[in-house]
Amino acid sequence: MKKYTFVIPGTTSSVKHYLPIPDAGKIVGLSAVVNSTQTAGTALVKAGKKGATNALYSANLGTTGANGIGNVAKGAAVSAATQAEVNQIFDSATPIELDIQLVVAGSVGITVLVDEYAVGPKAL
């Protein structure tokens, strides 16, 4: 299992960021933490394949989720993700797409877990 950690600015509109990872593998988990209080609603960090209909994991940092500065939101597997989306292998040529939307702008610390052996469907 490999862990990749990033700190990315988040805005109040959905912004996609593309992150190449050095070792190939499947996304099997996501966690996120924000440095600004999310005042209401849903603030999401989603990870998955570029252009896919469904993300693979979604972490809710808003008042309906982790709710607060320094509170870690563990990403939940998106049940609507197709098997083809789940089986996607990410690497330096196929980056992970992170879609970040906050209620209040701030920086987001994100850890993506990658199974470099690409064994099994959803590990978490």
Protein backbone atom coordinates (compact mmCIF):
# COMPACT_ATOMS: atom_id res chain seq x y z
CA MET A 1 0.00 0.00 0.00
CA LYS A 2 1.34 3.41 -0.98
CA LYS A 3 0.20 6.73 0.50
CA TYR A 4 0.43 9.98 -1.41
CA THR A 5 -0.21 13.21 0.46
CA PHE A 6 -0.93 16.57 -1.12
CA VAL A 7 -1.92 20.05 0.10
CA ILE A 8 -4.07 21.86 -2.44
CA PRO A 9 -6.00 25.14 -2.29
CA GLY A 10 -9.75 24.67 -2.35
CA THR A 11 -12.30 27.18 -3.61
CA THR A 12 -16.04 27.61 -3.32
CA SER A 13 -16.51 26.32 -6.85
CA SER A 14 -15.64 22.84 -8.04
CA VAL A 15 -12.02 22.78 -9.22
CA LYS A 16 -10.32 19.71 -10.65
CA HIS A 17 -6.66 18.97 -9.96
CA TYR A 18 -4.66 16.22 -11.71
CA LEU A 19 -2.00 14.38 -9.77
CA PRO A 20 0.40 11.90 -11.36
CA ILE A 21 1.73 9.27 -9.01
CA PRO A 22 5.14 7.63 -9.45
CA ASP A 23 4.04 4.02 -8.82
CA ALA A 24 1.13 2.44 -10.70
CA GLY A 25 -1.87 1.12 -8.80
CA LYS A 26 -5.57 1.36 -7.97
CA ILE A 27 -7.09 3.95 -5.63
CA VAL A 28 -8.30 2.16 -2.50
CA GLY A 29 -8.87 5.03 -0.09
CA LEU A 30 -8.99 8.76 0.51
CA SER A 31 -8.89 11.07 3.50
CA ALA A 32 -8.95 14.86 3.65
CA VAL A 33 -8.69 17.69 6.17
CA VAL A 34 -9.34 21.40 5.70
CA ASN A 35 -7.86 24.48 7.38
CA SER A 36 -11.04 26.60 7.20
CA THR A 37 -14.36 26.21 8.96
CA GLN A 38 -17.03 25.05 6.53
CA THR A 39 -20.04 27.14 7.54
CA ALA A 40 -22.89 25.10 6.07
CA GLY A 41 -23.68 22.30 3.70
CA THR A 42 -21.38 19.94 1.92
CA ALA A 43 -17.70 20.44 1.13
CA LEU A 44 -16.40 17.53 -0.92
CA VAL A 45 -13.11 16.11 -2.06
CA LYS A 46 -13.56 13.40 -4.71
CA ALA A 47 -10.92 11.19 -6.30
CA GLY A 48 -11.20 9.16 -9.47
CA LYS A 49 -10.52 8.87 -13.18
CA LYS A 50 -10.34 11.97 -15.38
CA GLY A 51 -13.62 12.47 -17.19
CA ALA A 52 -15.34 9.48 -15.56
CA THR A 53 -19.03 9.69 -14.72
CA ASN A 54 -18.37 8.65 -11.12
CA ALA A 55 -15.59 9.36 -8.65
CA LEU A 56 -14.18 6.37 -6.76
CA TYR A 57 -14.03 7.98 -3.30
CA SER A 58 -15.66 11.02 -1.75
CA ALA A 59 -14.72 12.75 1.53
CA ASN A 60 -17.17 15.23 3.08
CA LEU A 61 -15.51 18.08 5.00
CA GLY A 62 -18.66 20.19 5.43
CA THR A 63 -21.11 20.53 8.30
CA THR A 64 -22.75 17.30 7.11
CA GLY A 65 -19.34 15.57 7.28
CA ALA A 66 -16.14 16.05 9.32
CA ASN A 67 -17.18 19.65 10.10
CA GLY A 68 -14.26 21.71 11.28
CA ILE A 69 -10.69 22.84 11.01
CA GLY A 70 -8.35 19.89 11.48
CA ASN A 71 -11.08 17.24 11.43
CA VAL A 72 -10.21 14.38 9.10
CA ALA A 73 -12.90 13.17 6.71
CA LYS A 74 -12.44 9.58 5.64
CA GLY A 75 -13.48 9.06 2.05
CA ALA A 76 -16.31 6.66 1.38
CA ALA A 77 -16.36 4.45 -1.69
CA VAL A 78 -18.81 5.79 -4.26
CA SER A 79 -21.26 2.95 -4.81
CA ALA A 80 -22.24 4.26 -8.26
CA ALA A 81 -18.71 3.70 -9.59
CA THR A 82 -18.68 1.08 -12.32
CA GLN A 83 -16.33 -1.89 -12.24
CA ALA A 84 -14.33 -0.35 -15.10
CA GLU A 85 -13.89 2.83 -13.05
CA VAL A 86 -12.88 0.82 -9.97
CA ASN A 87 -10.33 -1.16 -12.01
CA GLN A 88 -8.63 1.97 -13.42
CA ILE A 89 -4.87 1.90 -12.92
CA PHE A 90 -3.27 5.26 -12.15
CA ASP A 91 0.41 6.11 -12.70
CA SER A 92 2.67 8.90 -13.94
CA ALA A 93 0.93 8.85 -17.35
CA THR A 94 -2.63 8.48 -16.01
CA PRO A 95 -3.10 10.97 -13.17
CA ILE A 96 -5.67 10.87 -10.39
CA GLU A 97 -8.37 13.51 -10.75
CA LEU A 98 -9.20 15.31 -7.51
CA ASP A 99 -12.37 17.40 -7.55
CA ILE A 100 -12.41 19.84 -4.63
CA GLN A 101 -15.32 22.09 -3.68
CA LEU A 102 -15.50 23.87 -0.34
CA VAL A 103 -18.14 26.08 1.27
CA VAL A 104 -15.41 28.42 2.56
CA ALA A 105 -12.13 28.63 0.63
CA GLY A 106 -9.03 27.18 2.28
CA SER A 107 -6.27 24.63 1.85
CA VAL A 108 -7.06 20.92 1.86
CA GLY A 109 -4.66 18.21 2.98
CA ILE A 110 -5.39 15.02 1.06
CA THR A 111 -4.04 11.50 1.40
CA VAL A 112 -4.75 9.01 -1.36
CA LEU A 113 -4.15 5.31 -0.69
CA VAL A 114 -3.02 3.30 -3.69
CA ASP A 115 -2.72 -0.48 -3.94
CA GLU A 116 0.37 -0.92 -6.12
CA TYR A 117 -0.48 -4.60 -6.69
CA ALA A 118 -3.96 -3.74 -8.01
CA VAL A 119 -5.48 -6.72 -6.21
CA GLY A 120 -9.24 -7.05 -5.78
CA PRO A 121 -11.98 -4.48 -6.36
CA LYS A 122 -12.55 -1.98 -3.53
CA ALA A 123 -10.13 -2.45 -0.64
CA LEU A 124 -11.82 0.08 1.68
